[in-house]
Amino acid sequence: MQKLLLLILICPGLYSQDLDKILWGETQLSGPINFDFISSEFEKNSINNISGIFSINPYPKGLGVNLLKSEEIFETRNTNELFRKFPEFMLNISVKDNKAFIENKGIIETKHEFWDLSFTNGNAWNDKQNIYISIPFALLQKNANCTHNGILIFALNKTINSSQAIFQISSETCAYFQFNYVAIFESNFVEQEVNFVEYEYDFNIREFDDIYKKYSDIEMNSFADSSEFDDDELTTYGFYDGQDHFIGPCKTRSGDYPFCLDILLPAYS
């Protein structure tokens, strides 16, 4: 049965064993996961080689939504109506070492009443028992430009059984509809060979502060890192000079977004 929970706190002191117990149903998830913890897991050396098709039961086993801002059109809909069912999808995933490559990247037009989806390449790490896979995703409002970026996390054990999957959203690209979202789903992974071109970025990625080292004549804090910008209203910022891509942090309400390079941004005209 679906559980509706009001989640407003970040889980403090999350460790690898805690995530393991949550994914395999030994411990309940009591709040959103701190993204900084997930990013730290990416630093582990990993040797993996597996591919297959990933999917979920679209009805969450556990669901926590905290509406922060909403316009009238959303205020007339209750949380259950918007989030009781996740858009259905199937992902072709190829995991090699510490990278998780997605074949069907881009916008997935779903049959869901309110949401379309997008996934892109993620990361993987492992311990003695499991392979952990984390993939960036986005919920996109149908016929609108607001994008809610989040992360998907699940694990595979030695027999390639899939754990529960966690979907979490802690930021958005619009001011009119904002929410924190975390949900747990039953998931399925069918191991099979999937063949597609794996794309990796071929330009230099640098922290944004490095721009002031490369261009010493630019005054510090001259871009979106200045005090003129409110961090709570800033999704991300960066600068590409033809050689280096200087990327500012993608701040969220649960730490820095782990996939800042792949964050999905809408286009406005």
C-alpha atoms as a PDB file:
ATOM      1  CA  MET A   1       0.000   0.000   0.000  1.00  0.00           C
ATOM      2  CA  GLN A   2       1.273   3.461  -0.831  1.00  0.00           C
ATOM      3  CA  LYS A   3       2.540   5.478   2.123  1.00  0.00           C
ATOM      4  CA  LEU A   4       2.220   9.260   2.053  1.00  0.00           C
ATOM      5  CA  LEU A   5       4.876  10.917   4.191  1.00  0.00           C
ATOM      6  CA  LEU A   6       5.754  14.557   4.721  1.00  0.00           C
ATOM      7  CA  LEU A   7       9.529  14.682   4.363  1.00  0.00           C
ATOM      8  CA  ILE A   8      11.210  17.978   5.149  1.00  0.00           C
ATOM      9  CA  LEU A   9      14.502  16.948   6.753  1.00  0.00           C
ATOM     10  CA  ILE A  10      17.759  15.737   5.246  1.00  0.00           C
ATOM     11  CA  CYS A  11      19.019  12.439   6.633  1.00  0.00           C
ATOM     12  CA  PRO A  12      22.138  13.276   8.681  1.00  0.00           C
ATOM     13  CA  GLY A  13      25.198  11.049   8.755  1.00  0.00           C
ATOM     14  CA  LEU A  14      24.210   8.678   5.958  1.00  0.00           C
ATOM     15  CA  TYR A  15      26.728   5.894   5.354  1.00  0.00           C
ATOM     16  CA  SER A  16      27.152   3.231   2.692  1.00  0.00           C
ATOM     17  CA  GLN A  17      25.677   0.558   4.957  1.00  0.00           C
ATOM     18  CA  ASP A  18      22.626   2.748   5.600  1.00  0.00           C
ATOM     19  CA  LEU A  19      22.001   3.178   1.884  1.00  0.00           C
ATOM     20  CA  ASP A  20      22.431  -0.564   1.425  1.00  0.00           C
ATOM     21  CA  LYS A  21      19.816  -1.344   4.087  1.00  0.00           C
ATOM     22  CA  ILE A  22      17.380   1.199   2.638  1.00  0.00           C
ATOM     23  CA  LEU A  23      17.704  -0.146  -0.898  1.00  0.00           C
ATOM     24  CA  TRP A  24      17.209  -3.754   0.207  1.00  0.00           C
ATOM     25  CA  GLY A  25      14.264  -2.932   2.453  1.00  0.00           C
ATOM     26  CA  GLU A  26      15.943  -3.578   5.815  1.00  0.00           C
ATOM     27  CA  THR A  27      15.563   0.053   6.950  1.00  0.00           C
ATOM     28  CA  GLN A  28      12.979   2.677   6.057  1.00  0.00           C
ATOM     29  CA  LEU A  29      14.004   5.889   4.379  1.00  0.00           C
ATOM     30  CA  SER A  30      13.081   8.644   6.828  1.00  0.00           C
ATOM     31  CA  GLY A  31      13.881  11.656   4.631  1.00  0.00           C
ATOM     32  CA  PRO A  32      15.734  12.875   1.543  1.00  0.00           C
ATOM     33  CA  ILE A  33      19.296  11.665   0.940  1.00  0.00           C
ATOM     34  CA  ASN A  34      22.083  14.247   0.999  1.00  0.00           C
ATOM     35  CA  PHE A  35      23.464  14.520  -2.527  1.00  0.00           C
ATOM     36  CA  ASP A  36      26.949  15.299  -1.210  1.00  0.00           C
ATOM     37  CA  PHE A  37      27.061  11.779   0.226  1.00  0.00           C
ATOM     38  CA  ILE A  38      26.166  10.310  -3.174  1.00  0.00           C
ATOM     39  CA  SER A  39      28.884  12.378  -4.858  1.00  0.00           C
ATOM     40  CA  SER A  40      31.436  11.073  -2.362  1.00  0.00           C
ATOM     41  CA  GLU A  41      30.532   7.486  -3.322  1.00  0.00           C
ATOM     42  CA  PHE A  42      31.472   8.265  -6.945  1.00  0.00           C
ATOM     43  CA  GLU A  43      35.100   8.602  -5.833  1.00  0.00           C
ATOM     44  CA  LYS A  44      35.376   4.882  -5.129  1.00  0.00           C
ATOM     45  CA  ASN A  45      37.381   2.863  -7.649  1.00  0.00           C
ATOM     46  CA  SER A  46      34.987   0.521  -9.414  1.00  0.00           C
ATOM     47  CA  ILE A  47      35.341  -2.300 -11.917  1.00  0.00           C
ATOM     48  CA  ASN A  48      32.002  -3.262 -13.434  1.00  0.00           C
ATOM     49  CA  ASN A  49      30.847  -4.666 -16.743  1.00  0.00           C
ATOM     50  CA  ILE A  50      27.140  -5.344 -17.012  1.00  0.00           C
ATOM     51  CA  SER A  51      24.239  -4.248 -19.185  1.00  0.00           C
ATOM     52  CA  GLY A  52      20.505  -4.739 -19.243  1.00  0.00           C
ATOM     53  CA  ILE A  53      17.051  -3.208 -19.133  1.00  0.00           C
ATOM     54  CA  PHE A  54      15.830  -1.391 -16.012  1.00  0.00           C
ATOM     55  CA  SER A  55      12.229  -0.618 -15.079  1.00  0.00           C
ATOM     56  CA  ILE A  56      10.070  -0.008 -12.003  1.00  0.00           C
ATOM     57  CA  ASN A  57       6.578  -0.659 -10.720  1.00  0.00           C
ATOM     58  CA  PRO A  58       5.236   2.891 -11.220  1.00  0.00           C
ATOM     59  CA  TYR A  59       3.238   2.894  -7.961  1.00  0.00           C
ATOM     60  CA  PRO A  60       5.582   3.892  -5.096  1.00  0.00           C
ATOM     61  CA  LYS A  61       5.935   1.749  -1.992  1.00  0.00           C
ATOM     62  CA  GLY A  62       6.798   4.874  -0.036  1.00  0.00           C
ATOM     63  CA  LEU A  63       6.315   8.492  -1.035  1.00  0.00           C
ATOM     64  CA  GLY A  64       7.278  11.806   0.533  1.00  0.00           C
ATOM     65  CA  VAL A  65       6.360  15.137  -1.059  1.00  0.00           C
ATOM     66  CA  ASN A  66       6.740  18.607   0.422  1.00  0.00           C
ATOM     67  CA  LEU A  67       5.129  21.316  -1.724  1.00  0.00           C
ATOM     68  CA  LEU A  68       7.049  24.573  -1.336  1.00  0.00           C
ATOM     69  CA  LYS A  69       5.497  26.847  -3.961  1.00  0.00           C
ATOM     70  CA  SER A  70       2.635  26.252  -6.355  1.00  0.00           C
ATOM     71  CA  GLU A  71       0.427  28.307  -8.612  1.00  0.00           C
ATOM     72  CA  GLU A  72      -3.347  27.973  -8.551  1.00  0.00           C
ATOM     73  CA  ILE A  73      -3.417  25.250 -11.229  1.00  0.00           C
ATOM     74  CA  PHE A  74      -1.403  22.956  -8.953  1.00  0.00           C
ATOM     75  CA  GLU A  75      -3.078  24.033  -5.729  1.00  0.00           C
ATOM     76  CA  THR A  76      -6.315  22.576  -7.063  1.00  0.00           C
ATOM     77  CA  ARG A  77      -4.681  19.134  -7.332  1.00  0.00           C
ATOM     78  CA  ASN A  78      -3.728  17.144  -4.261  1.00  0.00           C
ATOM     79  CA  THR A  79      -0.388  15.399  -3.850  1.00  0.00           C
ATOM     80  CA  ASN A  80      -1.863  11.985  -4.534  1.00  0.00           C
ATOM     81  CA  GLU A  81      -3.224  13.073  -7.905  1.00  0.00           C
ATOM     82  CA  LEU A  82       0.132  14.438  -9.089  1.00  0.00           C
ATOM     83  CA  PHE A  83       2.455  11.792  -7.672  1.00  0.00           C
ATOM     84  CA  ARG A  84       0.524   8.596  -6.934  1.00  0.00           C
ATOM     85  CA  LYS A  85       1.927   7.050 -10.133  1.00  0.00           C
ATOM     86  CA  PHE A  86       5.331   7.619 -11.722  1.00  0.00           C
ATOM     87  CA  PRO A  87       5.587   7.825 -15.537  1.00  0.00           C
ATOM     88  CA  GLU A  88       6.303   4.393 -17.000  1.00  0.00           C
ATOM     89  CA  PHE A  89       9.631   3.783 -18.758  1.00  0.00           C
ATOM     90  CA  MET A  90      12.267   1.192 -19.658  1.00  0.00           C
ATOM     91  CA  LEU A  91      15.968   2.082 -19.701  1.00  0.00           C
ATOM     92  CA  ASN A  92      18.751   0.369 -21.606  1.00  0.00           C
ATOM     93  CA  ILE A  93      21.775   0.660 -19.309  1.00  0.00           C
ATOM     94  CA  SER A  94      25.403  -0.294 -19.903  1.00  0.00           C
ATOM     95  CA  VAL A  95      27.690  -0.122 -16.857  1.00  0.00           C
ATOM     96  CA  LYS A  96      31.426  -0.051 -17.477  1.00  0.00           C
ATOM     97  CA  ASP A  97      33.766   0.559 -14.557  1.00  0.00           C
ATOM     98  CA  ASN A  98      32.388   3.613 -12.761  1.00  0.00           C
ATOM     99  CA  LYS A  99      30.164   4.890 -15.586  1.00  0.00           C
ATOM    100  CA  ALA A 100      26.522   4.065 -16.321  1.00  0.00           C
ATOM    101  CA  PHE A 101      25.577   4.803 -19.920  1.00  0.00           C
ATOM    102  CA  ILE A 102      21.960   5.273 -21.012  1.00  0.00           C
ATOM    103  CA  GLU A 103      20.871   4.486 -24.561  1.00  0.00           C
ATOM    104  CA  ASN A 104      17.503   6.242 -24.629  1.00  0.00           C
ATOM    105  CA  LYS A 105      18.630   9.670 -23.469  1.00  0.00           C
ATOM    106  CA  GLY A 106      16.553  12.718 -24.218  1.00  0.00           C
ATOM    107  CA  ILE A 107      12.912  13.487 -23.527  1.00  0.00           C
ATOM    108  CA  ILE A 108      10.604  10.497 -23.157  1.00  0.00           C
ATOM    109  CA  GLU A 109       7.013  11.419 -23.963  1.00  0.00           C
ATOM    110  CA  THR A 110       4.992   9.280 -21.575  1.00  0.00           C
ATOM    111  CA  LYS A 111       1.315   8.429 -21.243  1.00  0.00           C
ATOM    112  CA  HIS A 112       1.260  10.060 -17.807  1.00  0.00           C
ATOM    113  CA  GLU A 113      -1.293  12.835 -17.438  1.00  0.00           C
ATOM    114  CA  PHE A 114       1.128  15.376 -15.983  1.00  0.00           C
ATOM    115  CA  TRP A 115       4.762  14.319 -16.552  1.00  0.00           C
ATOM    116  CA  ASP A 116       7.273  13.455 -19.236  1.00  0.00           C
ATOM    117  CA  LEU A 117      10.735  12.096 -18.396  1.00  0.00           C
ATOM    118  CA  SER A 118      14.380  12.413 -19.277  1.00  0.00           C
ATOM    119  CA  PHE A 119      17.419  10.326 -18.276  1.00  0.00           C
ATOM    120  CA  THR A 120      21.101  10.637 -19.086  1.00  0.00           C
ATOM    121  CA  ASN A 121      24.439   9.009 -18.227  1.00  0.00           C
ATOM    122  CA  GLY A 122      25.272   8.411 -14.578  1.00  0.00           C
ATOM    123  CA  ASN A 123      27.810   6.739 -12.299  1.00  0.00           C
ATOM    124  CA  ALA A 124      28.356   3.369 -10.682  1.00  0.00           C
ATOM    125  CA  TRP A 125      30.350   2.093  -7.722  1.00  0.00           C
ATOM    126  CA  ASN A 126      30.573  -1.220  -5.955  1.00  0.00           C
ATOM    127  CA  ASP A 127      31.432  -2.994  -2.745  1.00  0.00           C
ATOM    128  CA  LYS A 128      31.940  -6.701  -2.078  1.00  0.00           C
ATOM    129  CA  GLN A 129      28.222  -7.411  -2.355  1.00  0.00           C
ATOM    130  CA  ASN A 130      26.577  -4.921  -4.699  1.00  0.00           C
ATOM    131  CA  ILE A 131      26.882  -2.682  -7.726  1.00  0.00           C
ATOM    132  CA  TYR A 132      25.299   0.702  -7.047  1.00  0.00           C
ATOM    133  CA  ILE A 133      23.990   2.738  -9.968  1.00  0.00           C
ATOM    134  CA  SER A 134      22.971   6.392  -9.835  1.00  0.00           C
ATOM    135  CA  ILE A 135      21.459   8.139 -12.842  1.00  0.00           C
ATOM    136  CA  PRO A 136      20.262  11.725 -13.310  1.00  0.00           C
ATOM    137  CA  PHE A 137      16.654  12.128 -14.345  1.00  0.00           C
ATOM    138  CA  ALA A 138      14.163  14.925 -14.767  1.00  0.00           C
ATOM    139  CA  LEU A 139      10.412  15.241 -14.463  1.00  0.00           C
ATOM    140  CA  LEU A 140       9.087  17.637 -17.092  1.00  0.00           C
ATOM    141  CA  GLN A 141       5.650  19.148 -16.881  1.00  0.00           C
ATOM    142  CA  LYS A 142       3.680  18.390 -20.010  1.00  0.00           C
ATOM    143  CA  ASN A 143       3.180  21.467 -22.187  1.00  0.00           C
ATOM    144  CA  ALA A 144       5.359  23.562 -19.871  1.00  0.00           C
ATOM    145  CA  ASN A 145       9.010  24.489 -19.443  1.00  0.00           C
ATOM    146  CA  CYS A 146       9.596  23.812 -15.751  1.00  0.00           C
ATOM    147  CA  THR A 147      12.087  20.983 -15.195  1.00  0.00           C
ATOM    148  CA  HIS A 148      12.528  19.128 -11.895  1.00  0.00           C
ATOM    149  CA  ASN A 149      15.978  17.509 -11.848  1.00  0.00           C
ATOM    150  CA  GLY A 150      16.657  14.559  -9.569  1.00  0.00           C
ATOM    151  CA  ILE A 151      18.613  11.346  -9.147  1.00  0.00           C
ATOM    152  CA  LEU A 152      17.728   7.662  -9.367  1.00  0.00           C
ATOM    153  CA  ILE A 153      19.626   5.139  -7.198  1.00  0.00           C
ATOM    154  CA  PHE A 154      19.399   1.352  -7.180  1.00  0.00           C
ATOM    155  CA  ALA A 155      21.692  -1.622  -6.608  1.00  0.00           C
ATOM    156  CA  LEU A 156      22.356  -5.046  -8.134  1.00  0.00           C
ATOM    157  CA  ASN A 157      23.533  -7.947  -5.997  1.00  0.00           C
ATOM    158  CA  LYS A 158      25.799 -10.844  -6.979  1.00  0.00           C
ATOM    159  CA  THR A 159      22.920 -12.695  -8.637  1.00  0.00           C
ATOM    160  CA  ILE A 160      21.929  -9.515 -10.553  1.00  0.00           C
ATOM    161  CA  ASN A 161      18.714  -9.068  -8.601  1.00  0.00           C
ATOM    162  CA  SER A 162      17.652  -5.444  -8.429  1.00  0.00           C
ATOM    163  CA  SER A 163      17.068  -3.652  -5.132  1.00  0.00           C
ATOM    164  CA  GLN A 164      14.364  -1.105  -4.492  1.00  0.00           C
ATOM    165  CA  ALA A 165      14.910   2.146  -6.379  1.00  0.00           C
ATOM    166  CA  ILE A 166      15.003   5.623  -4.867  1.00  0.00           C
ATOM    167  CA  PHE A 167      13.934   8.671  -6.889  1.00  0.00           C
ATOM    168  CA  GLN A 168      14.653  12.058  -5.348  1.00  0.00           C
ATOM    169  CA  ILE A 169      14.081  15.659  -6.480  1.00  0.00           C
ATOM    170  CA  SER A 170      15.375  18.650  -4.518  1.00  0.00           C
ATOM    171  CA  SER A 171      15.486  21.476  -7.094  1.00  0.00           C
ATOM    172  CA  GLU A 172      13.759  22.891 -10.147  1.00  0.00           C
ATOM    173  CA  THR A 173      14.241  25.461 -12.902  1.00  0.00           C
ATOM    174  CA  CYS A 174      11.138  27.555 -12.231  1.00  0.00           C
ATOM    175  CA  ALA A 175       9.716  29.708  -9.465  1.00  0.00           C
ATOM    176  CA  TYR A 176       6.036  28.845  -9.820  1.00  0.00           C
ATOM    177  CA  PHE A 177       6.061  25.146  -8.851  1.00  0.00           C
ATOM    178  CA  GLN A 178       8.619  23.871  -6.347  1.00  0.00           C
ATOM    179  CA  PHE A 179       8.643  20.698  -4.275  1.00  0.00           C
ATOM    180  CA  ASN A 180      10.853  18.184  -2.506  1.00  0.00           C
ATOM    181  CA  TYR A 181      10.169  14.626  -3.621  1.00  0.00           C
ATOM    182  CA  VAL A 182      11.510  11.246  -2.539  1.00  0.00           C
ATOM    183  CA  ALA A 183       9.957   7.875  -3.361  1.00  0.00           C
ATOM    184  CA  ILE A 184      10.842   4.179  -3.219  1.00  0.00           C
ATOM    185  CA  PHE A 185       9.760   1.738  -5.919  1.00  0.00           C
ATOM    186  CA  GLU A 186      10.055  -1.952  -6.613  1.00  0.00           C
ATOM    187  CA  SER A 187      12.447  -2.284  -9.551  1.00  0.00           C
ATOM    188  CA  ASN A 188      13.484  -4.856 -12.110  1.00  0.00           C
ATOM    189  CA  PHE A 189      16.728  -5.363 -14.030  1.00  0.00           C
ATOM    190  CA  VAL A 190      16.955  -7.890 -16.852  1.00  0.00           C
ATOM    191  CA  GLU A 191      20.559  -8.614 -17.766  1.00  0.00           C
ATOM    192  CA  GLN A 192      21.157  -8.662 -21.501  1.00  0.00           C
ATOM    193  CA  GLU A 193      23.588  -7.241 -24.001  1.00  0.00           C
ATOM    194  CA  VAL A 194      22.724  -3.742 -25.152  1.00  0.00           C
ATOM    195  CA  ASN A 195      24.805  -2.129 -27.862  1.00  0.00           C
ATOM    196  CA  PHE A 196      24.919   1.600 -28.407  1.00  0.00           C
ATOM    197  CA  VAL A 197      27.438   4.375 -28.807  1.00  0.00           C
ATOM    198  CA  GLU A 198      28.763   5.614 -25.479  1.00  0.00           C
ATOM    199  CA  TYR A 199      29.287   9.346 -25.387  1.00  0.00           C
ATOM    200  CA  GLU A 200      31.702  11.100 -23.067  1.00  0.00           C
ATOM    201  CA  TYR A 201      32.591  14.778 -22.980  1.00  0.00           C
ATOM    202  CA  ASP A 202      35.773  15.716 -24.828  1.00  0.00           C
ATOM    203  CA  PHE A 203      36.408  19.160 -23.342  1.00  0.00           C
ATOM    204  CA  ASN A 204      38.142  20.176 -20.122  1.00  0.00           C
ATOM    205  CA  ILE A 205      35.878  20.481 -17.094  1.00  0.00           C
ATOM    206  CA  ARG A 206      37.045  22.933 -14.440  1.00  0.00           C
ATOM    207  CA  GLU A 207      35.623  24.416 -11.275  1.00  0.00           C
ATOM    208  CA  PHE A 208      34.209  27.862 -11.826  1.00  0.00           C
ATOM    209  CA  ASP A 209      36.698  29.588  -9.528  1.00  0.00           C
ATOM    210  CA  ASP A 210      39.448  28.534 -11.943  1.00  0.00           C
ATOM    211  CA  ILE A 211      38.204  31.133 -14.402  1.00  0.00           C
ATOM    212  CA  TYR A 212      39.713  33.835 -12.196  1.00  0.00           C
ATOM    213  CA  LYS A 213      43.062  32.037 -12.264  1.00  0.00           C
ATOM    214  CA  LYS A 214      43.043  31.691 -16.049  1.00  0.00           C
ATOM    215  CA  TYR A 215      41.788  35.235 -16.598  1.00  0.00           C
ATOM    216  CA  SER A 216      43.416  37.258 -13.849  1.00  0.00           C
ATOM    217  CA  ASP A 217      42.010  40.529 -15.199  1.00  0.00           C
ATOM    218  CA  ILE A 218      38.444  39.439 -14.370  1.00  0.00           C
ATOM    219  CA  GLU A 219      37.303  40.676 -10.977  1.00  0.00           C
ATOM    220  CA  MET A 220      36.341  37.949  -8.495  1.00  0.00           C
ATOM    221  CA  ASN A 221      32.645  37.109  -8.201  1.00  0.00           C
ATOM    222  CA  SER A 222      31.699  38.778 -11.468  1.00  0.00           C
ATOM    223  CA  PHE A 223      29.236  36.172 -12.650  1.00  0.00           C
ATOM    224  CA  ALA A 224      26.360  34.330 -10.965  1.00  0.00           C
ATOM    225  CA  ASP A 225      28.700  33.727  -8.025  1.00  0.00           C
ATOM    226  CA  SER A 226      28.218  37.354  -6.982  1.00  0.00           C
ATOM    227  CA  SER A 227      26.110  38.533  -4.055  1.00  0.00           C
ATOM    228  CA  GLU A 228      23.576  39.893  -6.553  1.00  0.00           C
ATOM    229  CA  PHE A 229      22.260  36.359  -7.028  1.00  0.00           C
ATOM    230  CA  ASP A 230      20.276  34.383  -4.482  1.00  0.00           C
ATOM    231  CA  ASP A 231      21.569  30.794  -4.237  1.00  0.00           C
ATOM    232  CA  ASP A 232      18.028  29.547  -3.619  1.00  0.00           C
ATOM    233  CA  GLU A 233      16.950  30.904  -7.001  1.00  0.00           C
ATOM    234  CA  LEU A 234      19.948  29.761  -9.035  1.00  0.00           C
ATOM    235  CA  THR A 235      19.943  26.366 -10.751  1.00  0.00           C
ATOM    236  CA  THR A 236      23.462  26.467 -12.195  1.00  0.00           C
ATOM    237  CA  TYR A 237      25.903  28.705 -14.057  1.00  0.00           C
ATOM    238  CA  GLY A 238      29.015  28.293 -16.159  1.00  0.00           C
ATOM    239  CA  PHE A 239      31.246  29.632 -18.908  1.00  0.00           C
ATOM    240  CA  TYR A 240      32.852  27.932 -21.918  1.00  0.00           C
ATOM    241  CA  ASP A 241      35.780  29.696 -23.571  1.00  0.00           C
ATOM    242  CA  GLY A 242      36.338  27.215 -26.399  1.00  0.00           C
ATOM    243  CA  GLN A 243      38.872  25.197 -24.416  1.00  0.00           C
ATOM    244  CA  ASP A 244      37.665  24.891 -20.834  1.00  0.00           C
ATOM    245  CA  HIS A 245      34.155  24.561 -19.449  1.00  0.00           C
ATOM    246  CA  PHE A 246      34.024  26.350 -16.093  1.00  0.00           C
ATOM    247  CA  ILE A 247      31.052  25.031 -14.126  1.00  0.00           C
ATOM    248  CA  GLY A 248      29.556  26.513 -10.987  1.00  0.00           C
ATOM    249  CA  PRO A 249      27.905  24.263  -8.406  1.00  0.00           C
ATOM    250  CA  CYS A 250      24.326  23.157  -8.974  1.00  0.00           C
ATOM    251  CA  LYS A 251      22.946  23.870  -5.530  1.00  0.00           C
ATOM    252  CA  THR A 252      19.825  22.080  -4.310  1.00  0.00           C
ATOM    253  CA  ARG A 253      17.949  21.776  -1.036  1.00  0.00           C
ATOM    254  CA  SER A 254      19.816  18.486  -0.426  1.00  0.00           C
ATOM    255  CA  GLY A 255      23.395  19.521  -1.200  1.00  0.00           C
ATOM    256  CA  ASP A 256      25.056  20.020  -4.575  1.00  0.00           C
ATOM    257  CA  TYR A 257      23.512  18.140  -7.484  1.00  0.00           C
ATOM    258  CA  PRO A 258      25.853  15.212  -8.280  1.00  0.00           C
ATOM    259  CA  PHE A 259      25.403  15.507 -12.057  1.00  0.00           C
ATOM    260  CA  CYS A 260      25.844  19.223 -12.630  1.00  0.00           C
ATOM    261  CA  LEU A 261      27.355  18.664 -16.083  1.00  0.00           C
ATOM    262  CA  ASP A 262      24.232  16.797 -17.191  1.00  0.00           C
ATOM    263  CA  ILE A 263      21.530  18.881 -15.557  1.00  0.00           C
ATOM    264  CA  LEU A 264      18.574  19.428 -17.881  1.00  0.00           C
ATOM    265  CA  LEU A 265      17.702  23.071 -18.497  1.00  0.00           C
ATOM    266  CA  PRO A 266      14.622  24.342 -20.353  1.00  0.00           C
ATOM    267  CA  ALA A 267      14.688  26.875 -23.149  1.00  0.00           C
ATOM    268  CA  TYR A 268      12.584  30.015 -22.918  1.00  0.00           C
ATOM    269  CA  SER A 269      11.709  32.384 -25.732  1.00  0.00           C
END
